[in-house]
Amino acid sequence: MHVRGATPVDNDGLIDLQARCPQGTDLVVSNVNTPDFFARARAYDDYKVLVATEDNRIVGSTAYAIRDANIDGRVACVGYGFQTFISPDHRRRGVASQLFQSCEDYLARRGVELDYGLIIGGNTPSIRYFGDRGFRLHRTLIMPMLGVYKPMVRGSQGKVRKAEPRDLAAIAQLTNETWEGYDFYEPISAETLASAIDRRPAFSIDDLFVLEVGGEIAACLGLWDWSKTAQITIRAVSLKLRMIGLLVDLVRHFRPMPVVPRLGAAIKQSGLTPIAFRDPTHFAVLLRHVNDEALSRGIQYMFCACERGNPMLQGMKDFVRVDTALHLYVRPLKGILPTGTRPVFIDMIDC
């Protein structure tokens, strides 16, 4: 077994491996980066993708991003692990452990102080894996899924429009003001925001919307279409979800209803990012406009991540919403560990 850094030559092999590693419990999906496997990782400014090979065949992979983030009121260097998958015929053979050790050595060389990861609720093997390697459950968040199925724009205060380059400084300032008291938030500037927009696959400033109130930007919201960089296909559906689907189909005869995932269907979804607002009512106004934009693009669901007490949830009252548990695990590398007294910010880029 050999662990090394991935290269563009590995693209097809990584896509094939990813397709053989479906994820989920009630809803099992195949989530495959395509056609460019590395586009997901390039959304980060500083990243590394590792592969484990045996007989010149890729049997496992993992990725890490390194960035600065607020932790208990100071900026710390943190590492985020994502997209770890092991070939089904090589599980329980030490592949994951070798990848983890290589990542740990890499993070140590880079001076990372805190390592973190996200696990969907119900993923018992991953929870056990994280626990065995020194991670602690820091917070259980939720990932609200908003169904996009009908127009929602209503008369309201303010003016909604697409963002322009001249808005980036104001958007950066508003974003910092919205999340500066949250752990895991990385302060931004107009320059770093512009760079993040350029790096994000299938995303541009045309996908970022603002609400103006009194001539000033009161909210901003981005619509990141994942379906342009990842093919998400339903591989299995639990009896519970099948029954919900039948009920929704019945109700659909009388009123509009969201699409319920079906076996073999492709899901078209978008992440809501970046997000900023002066007041939850401003966020609600902009979210309804973004819903209509998503509807025009054929998007079926919108996602974000937050805690249960987050003010964003107030702006989602008009939506059919399904919440999925999202566990935030942390591991101190240099003695730093969040106290847990501050709220948590997770950008959809991590999900």
Protein backbone atom coordinates (compact mmCIF):
# COMPACT_ATOMS: atom_id res chain seq x y z
CA MET A 1 0.00 0.00 0.00
CA HIS A 2 1.31 3.43 -0.94
CA VAL A 3 -0.08 6.88 -0.03
CA ARG A 4 0.81 9.88 -2.19
CA GLY A 5 -0.51 13.21 -3.37
CA ALA A 6 -3.13 12.98 -6.12
CA THR A 7 -2.45 14.41 -9.58
CA PRO A 8 -4.72 15.24 -12.55
CA VAL A 9 -3.84 11.84 -14.04
CA ASP A 10 -5.83 10.29 -11.16
CA ASN A 11 -9.05 12.05 -12.17
CA ASP A 12 -10.84 9.10 -13.80
CA GLY A 13 -9.71 6.63 -11.16
CA LEU A 14 -10.98 8.86 -8.35
CA ILE A 15 -14.34 9.35 -10.06
CA ASP A 16 -14.67 5.57 -10.50
CA LEU A 17 -13.78 4.97 -6.82
CA GLN A 18 -16.21 7.63 -5.64
CA ALA A 19 -19.03 6.07 -7.68
CA ARG A 20 -18.45 2.76 -5.86
CA CYS A 21 -18.82 4.40 -2.43
CA PRO A 22 -22.45 5.54 -1.95
CA GLN A 23 -23.33 7.39 1.26
CA GLY A 24 -26.35 7.74 3.52
CA THR A 25 -28.84 5.80 5.63
CA ASP A 26 -32.54 6.57 4.96
CA LEU A 27 -31.48 8.07 1.64
CA VAL A 28 -28.44 6.43 0.02
CA VAL A 29 -26.89 8.53 -2.73
CA SER A 30 -24.00 8.30 -5.14
CA ASN A 31 -22.23 11.68 -5.02
CA VAL A 32 -19.64 11.84 -7.79
CA ASN A 33 -17.49 14.84 -8.70
CA THR A 34 -17.71 15.09 -12.47
CA PRO A 35 -16.24 15.73 -14.95
CA ASP A 36 -13.37 17.25 -12.91
CA PHE A 37 -12.86 15.45 -9.60
CA PHE A 38 -10.51 18.16 -8.28
CA ALA A 39 -12.93 21.08 -8.82
CA ARG A 40 -14.43 20.44 -5.37
CA ALA A 41 -11.05 20.75 -3.64
CA ARG A 42 -10.02 23.80 -5.68
CA ALA A 43 -12.86 25.73 -4.05
CA TYR A 44 -10.37 26.10 -1.18
CA ASP A 45 -7.32 28.33 -1.46
CA ASP A 46 -5.04 25.79 0.29
CA TYR A 47 -5.84 22.09 -0.15
CA LYS A 48 -4.32 18.64 -0.60
CA VAL A 49 -5.86 15.46 -2.04
CA LEU A 50 -4.24 12.14 -1.08
CA VAL A 51 -4.71 8.72 -2.67
CA ALA A 52 -3.86 5.23 -1.43
CA THR A 53 -2.81 2.85 -4.19
CA GLU A 54 -2.22 -0.88 -4.46
CA ASP A 55 -0.85 -2.45 -7.63
CA ASN A 56 -1.22 0.95 -9.35
CA ARG A 57 -4.96 1.03 -8.55
CA ILE A 58 -6.53 3.73 -6.38
CA VAL A 59 -8.18 2.06 -3.38
CA GLY A 60 -8.77 5.08 -1.15
CA SER A 61 -8.66 8.86 -1.01
CA THR A 62 -9.10 11.79 1.33
CA ALA A 63 -8.72 15.56 1.11
CA TYR A 64 -7.82 18.38 3.47
CA ALA A 65 -8.16 22.14 3.34
CA ILE A 66 -6.12 24.48 5.54
CA ARG A 67 -7.38 27.93 6.43
CA ASP A 68 -7.62 30.52 9.20
CA ALA A 69 -10.73 30.66 11.39
CA ASN A 70 -12.00 32.39 14.51
CA ILE A 71 -11.73 30.10 17.54
CA ASP A 72 -12.76 31.58 20.89
CA GLY A 73 -12.11 35.13 19.72
CA ARG A 74 -8.73 34.63 18.06
CA VAL A 75 -7.64 33.54 14.60
CA ALA A 76 -6.23 29.99 14.47
CA CYS A 77 -4.92 27.77 11.69
CA VAL A 78 -7.43 24.93 11.20
CA GLY A 79 -7.62 21.88 8.95
CA TYR A 80 -10.83 20.51 7.48
CA GLY A 81 -11.04 16.91 6.25
CA PHE A 82 -13.54 15.99 3.54
CA GLN A 83 -14.40 13.42 0.88
CA THR A 84 -12.82 10.35 2.44
CA PHE A 85 -13.75 7.09 0.75
CA ILE A 86 -12.30 3.59 0.66
CA SER A 87 -12.91 0.96 -2.02
CA PRO A 88 -15.51 -1.55 -0.72
CA ASP A 89 -13.11 -4.46 -1.33
CA HIS A 90 -10.33 -2.78 0.70
CA ARG A 91 -12.20 -1.80 3.85
CA ARG A 92 -10.93 -2.99 7.25
CA ARG A 93 -7.49 -3.48 5.74
CA GLY A 94 -5.78 -0.39 7.18
CA VAL A 95 -6.25 1.89 4.17
CA ALA A 96 -8.13 4.54 6.14
CA SER A 97 -5.52 4.46 8.91
CA GLN A 98 -2.67 5.01 6.47
CA LEU A 99 -4.48 7.93 4.85
CA PHE A 100 -5.23 9.42 8.26
CA GLN A 101 -1.60 9.14 9.38
CA SER A 102 -0.39 10.82 6.19
CA CYS A 103 -2.88 13.64 6.75
CA GLU A 104 -1.83 14.02 10.38
CA ASP A 105 1.84 14.30 9.37
CA TYR A 106 0.94 16.85 6.69
CA LEU A 107 -1.12 19.00 9.06
CA ALA A 108 1.64 18.91 11.69
CA ARG A 109 4.19 20.12 9.14
CA ARG A 110 1.86 22.97 8.20
CA GLY A 111 1.39 24.14 11.81
CA VAL A 112 -2.34 23.38 11.98
CA GLU A 113 -3.73 23.90 15.49
CA LEU A 114 -7.17 22.31 15.21
CA ASP A 115 -8.58 19.60 12.94
CA TYR A 116 -12.32 19.30 12.25
CA GLY A 117 -14.79 17.30 10.18
CA LEU A 118 -18.52 16.98 9.53
CA ILE A 119 -20.56 13.76 9.69
CA ILE A 120 -24.17 13.34 8.60
CA GLY A 121 -26.42 12.01 11.37
CA GLY A 122 -26.76 8.24 11.38
CA ASN A 123 -23.34 7.57 9.85
CA THR A 124 -22.24 5.27 12.67
CA PRO A 125 -19.06 3.91 11.00
CA SER A 126 -17.69 7.44 10.46
CA ILE A 127 -18.60 8.49 14.00
CA ARG A 128 -16.75 5.46 15.37
CA TYR A 129 -13.79 6.14 13.08
CA PHE A 130 -13.51 9.77 14.23
CA GLY A 131 -13.81 8.77 17.90
CA ASP A 132 -11.03 6.19 17.59
CA ARG A 133 -8.70 8.89 16.25
CA GLY A 134 -9.11 11.46 18.99
CA PHE A 135 -11.95 13.58 17.60
CA ARG A 136 -14.60 14.91 19.98
CA LEU A 137 -18.18 15.85 19.20
CA HIS A 138 -18.24 19.63 19.50
CA ARG A 139 -21.74 20.47 18.30
CA THR A 140 -24.65 18.87 16.48
CA LEU A 141 -25.89 21.25 13.79
CA ILE A 142 -28.67 20.91 11.25
CA MET A 143 -28.63 21.06 7.47
CA PRO A 144 -32.02 22.46 6.41
CA MET A 145 -33.22 21.24 3.00
CA LEU A 146 -35.66 23.68 1.40
CA GLY A 147 -37.92 22.39 -1.33
CA VAL A 148 -37.99 24.53 -4.49
CA TYR A 149 -41.34 23.94 -6.16
CA LYS A 150 -43.35 27.18 -6.49
CA PRO A 151 -42.78 30.95 -6.91
CA MET A 152 -42.49 32.79 -3.61
CA VAL A 153 -41.72 36.43 -4.43
CA ARG A 154 -44.14 38.85 -2.80
CA GLY A 155 -44.21 42.61 -2.54
CA SER A 156 -41.63 43.73 0.02
CA GLN A 157 -39.34 46.51 1.09
CA GLY A 158 -36.08 47.04 -0.70
CA LYS A 159 -34.67 46.15 -4.08
CA VAL A 160 -33.22 42.77 -5.03
CA ARG A 161 -30.60 42.60 -7.77
CA LYS A 162 -27.55 40.65 -8.85
CA ALA A 163 -24.31 41.65 -7.14
CA GLU A 164 -21.69 43.63 -9.02
CA PRO A 165 -17.91 43.89 -8.48
CA ARG A 166 -18.39 47.30 -6.89
CA ASP A 167 -20.50 45.64 -4.15
CA LEU A 168 -17.79 43.27 -2.88
CA ALA A 169 -16.39 45.56 -0.20
CA ALA A 170 -19.85 46.19 1.26
CA ILE A 171 -20.73 42.48 1.05
CA ALA A 172 -17.48 41.52 2.81
CA GLN A 173 -18.13 44.06 5.58
CA LEU A 174 -21.72 42.86 6.04
CA THR A 175 -20.59 39.22 6.11
CA ASN A 176 -17.99 39.97 8.78
CA GLU A 177 -20.56 41.84 10.87
CA THR A 178 -23.03 38.95 10.57
CA TRP A 179 -20.66 36.16 11.64
CA GLU A 180 -17.76 37.77 13.54
CA GLY A 181 -18.94 36.31 16.86
CA TYR A 182 -19.05 32.73 15.50
CA ASP A 183 -16.38 30.06 15.82
CA PHE A 184 -15.00 28.60 12.55
CA TYR A 185 -15.78 31.81 10.65
CA GLU A 186 -12.92 33.23 8.58
CA PRO A 187 -13.04 37.05 8.21
CA ILE A 188 -12.98 38.21 4.58
CA SER A 189 -12.16 41.28 2.52
CA ALA A 190 -13.32 42.38 -0.92
CA GLU A 191 -10.17 40.80 -2.36
CA THR A 192 -10.52 37.44 -0.61
CA LEU A 193 -14.23 37.34 -1.47
CA ALA A 194 -13.46 37.93 -5.15
CA SER A 195 -10.85 35.16 -5.04
CA ALA A 196 -13.31 32.75 -3.37
CA ILE A 197 -15.92 33.45 -6.06
CA ASP A 198 -13.35 32.78 -8.79
CA ARG A 199 -12.24 29.48 -7.20
CA ARG A 200 -15.69 28.07 -6.59
CA PRO A 201 -16.68 25.71 -9.43
CA ALA A 202 -19.79 26.64 -11.45
CA PHE A 203 -20.19 29.88 -9.49
CA SER A 204 -19.74 33.52 -10.45
CA ILE A 205 -20.78 36.93 -9.24
CA ASP A 206 -23.94 36.45 -11.35
CA ASP A 207 -24.99 33.80 -8.81
CA LEU A 208 -24.73 36.26 -5.91
CA PHE A 209 -27.77 38.40 -5.05
CA VAL A 210 -28.16 41.43 -2.78
CA LEU A 211 -31.06 43.23 -1.12
CA GLU A 212 -30.78 47.01 -0.98
CA VAL A 213 -32.72 48.91 1.68
CA GLY A 214 -32.40 52.67 1.83
CA GLY A 215 -29.62 52.56 -0.74
CA GLU A 216 -27.45 50.19 1.36
CA ILE A 217 -26.90 46.43 1.07
CA ALA A 218 -28.94 44.80 3.85
CA ALA A 219 -28.48 41.15 2.81
CA CYS A 220 -26.59 38.99 0.34
CA LEU A 221 -27.15 35.39 -0.70
CA GLY A 222 -25.37 33.15 -3.20
CA LEU A 223 -26.87 30.21 -5.12
CA TRP A 224 -24.16 27.60 -5.76
CA ASP A 225 -25.46 24.94 -8.19
CA TRP A 226 -23.79 21.68 -7.13
CA SER A 227 -25.28 19.71 -10.00
CA LYS A 228 -22.81 21.36 -12.38
CA THR A 229 -19.84 19.80 -10.58
CA ALA A 230 -21.28 16.71 -8.86
CA GLN A 231 -23.71 14.06 -10.04
CA ILE A 232 -25.97 13.02 -7.17
CA THR A 233 -28.06 9.92 -7.85
CA ILE A 234 -30.47 8.08 -5.53
CA ARG A 235 -29.23 4.52 -4.96
CA ALA A 236 -31.63 3.42 -2.19
CA VAL A 237 -34.64 4.86 -0.36
CA SER A 238 -35.91 3.72 3.05
CA LEU A 239 -39.50 2.56 3.58
CA LYS A 240 -40.09 5.72 5.62
CA LEU A 241 -39.14 7.98 2.71
CA ARG A 242 -41.13 5.89 0.24
CA MET A 243 -44.23 6.33 2.39
CA ILE A 244 -43.61 10.07 2.61
CA GLY A 245 -43.34 10.14 -1.17
CA LEU A 246 -46.72 8.46 -1.56
CA LEU A 247 -48.30 10.95 0.84
CA VAL A 248 -46.76 13.91 -0.99
CA ASP A 249 -48.02 12.56 -4.31
CA LEU A 250 -51.52 12.41 -2.85
CA VAL A 251 -51.36 15.98 -1.53
CA ARG A 252 -49.95 17.18 -4.87
CA HIS A 253 -53.39 16.65 -6.41
CA PHE A 254 -54.63 19.57 -4.31
CA ARG A 255 -51.63 21.91 -3.94
CA PRO A 256 -48.04 22.34 -5.16
CA MET A 257 -45.53 20.18 -3.28
CA PRO A 258 -41.75 19.61 -3.43
CA VAL A 259 -40.25 16.72 -5.36
CA VAL A 260 -39.56 13.66 -3.18
CA PRO A 261 -36.33 11.78 -4.06
CA ARG A 262 -37.01 8.59 -6.05
CA LEU A 263 -34.83 5.55 -6.65
CA GLY A 264 -32.55 6.12 -9.64
CA ALA A 265 -33.36 9.82 -9.90
CA ALA A 266 -30.72 12.54 -10.14
CA ILE A 267 -30.99 15.31 -7.55
CA LYS A 268 -30.45 18.90 -8.61
CA GLN A 269 -29.56 20.94 -5.56
CA SER A 270 -27.79 24.16 -4.62
CA GLY A 271 -25.92 25.38 -1.58
CA LEU A 272 -26.74 28.79 -0.14
CA THR A 273 -23.44 30.63 0.19
CA PRO A 274 -22.25 33.25 0.97
CA ILE A 275 -24.92 34.42 3.41
CA ALA A 276 -25.09 37.73 5.27
CA PHE A 277 -27.87 39.97 6.58
CA ARG A 278 -28.57 42.85 8.93
CA ASP A 279 -31.87 41.37 10.09
CA PRO A 280 -33.59 37.98 9.59
CA THR A 281 -36.44 39.74 7.78
CA HIS A 282 -33.94 40.95 5.16
CA PHE A 283 -32.67 37.39 4.76
CA ALA A 284 -36.27 36.15 4.33
CA VAL A 285 -36.95 38.66 1.54
CA LEU A 286 -33.80 37.67 -0.34
CA LEU A 287 -34.34 33.95 0.21
CA ARG A 288 -37.75 34.12 -1.50
CA HIS A 289 -36.19 35.85 -4.53
CA VAL A 290 -33.39 33.28 -4.68
CA ASN A 291 -36.03 30.53 -4.51
CA ASP A 292 -37.58 31.89 -7.70
CA GLU A 293 -34.16 32.08 -9.35
CA ALA A 294 -33.55 28.45 -8.39
CA LEU A 295 -36.97 27.47 -9.74
CA SER A 296 -36.14 29.05 -13.10
CA ARG A 297 -32.92 26.99 -13.22
CA GLY A 298 -34.66 23.70 -12.51
CA ILE A 299 -33.10 23.35 -9.04
CA GLN A 300 -35.13 21.12 -6.70
CA TYR A 301 -33.57 21.80 -3.29
CA MET A 302 -31.53 24.46 -1.48
CA PHE A 303 -29.28 23.72 1.50
CA CYS A 304 -27.33 25.51 4.19
CA ALA A 305 -25.88 24.53 7.59
CA CYS A 306 -26.50 26.15 10.96
CA GLU A 307 -27.39 25.60 14.60
CA ARG A 308 -30.99 25.23 15.71
CA GLY A 309 -31.05 28.71 17.22
CA ASN A 310 -29.61 30.45 14.18
CA PRO A 311 -31.60 33.55 13.10
CA MET A 312 -31.56 32.29 9.48
CA LEU A 313 -34.22 29.76 10.40
CA GLN A 314 -36.68 32.59 11.01
CA GLY A 315 -36.43 33.45 7.32
CA MET A 316 -37.36 29.90 6.24
CA LYS A 317 -40.88 29.83 7.69
CA ASP A 318 -42.52 30.04 4.26
CA PHE A 319 -40.68 26.94 3.00
CA VAL A 320 -41.25 23.21 3.22
CA ARG A 321 -38.15 22.28 5.19
CA VAL A 322 -36.51 19.00 6.18
CA ASP A 323 -33.63 19.11 8.68
CA THR A 324 -30.74 16.62 8.67
CA ALA A 325 -28.43 16.31 11.68
CA LEU A 326 -24.84 17.36 10.99
CA HIS A 327 -22.23 16.50 13.63
CA LEU A 328 -19.18 18.75 14.00
CA TYR A 329 -16.16 16.83 15.32
CA VAL A 330 -12.91 18.51 16.41
CA ARG A 331 -9.44 17.30 17.33
CA PRO A 332 -6.81 19.53 18.99
CA LEU A 333 -3.34 19.35 17.45
CA LYS A 334 -1.63 22.05 19.52
CA GLY A 335 -3.73 22.10 22.65
CA ILE A 336 -6.39 24.41 21.24
CA LEU A 337 -10.01 23.32 21.69
CA PRO A 338 -13.12 25.51 21.35
CA THR A 339 -14.77 26.13 24.71
CA GLY A 340 -18.21 25.63 23.21
CA THR A 341 -19.58 28.91 24.57
CA ARG A 342 -19.73 30.63 21.17
CA PRO A 343 -22.08 29.83 18.28
CA VAL A 344 -20.68 27.98 15.25
CA PHE A 345 -20.54 29.06 11.62
CA ILE A 346 -20.24 26.43 8.86
CA ASP A 347 -20.11 27.55 5.24
CA MET A 348 -21.76 25.28 2.67
CA ILE A 349 -18.38 24.91 0.98
CA ASP A 350 -17.60 22.42 3.78
CA CYS A 351 -20.74 20.37 3.19
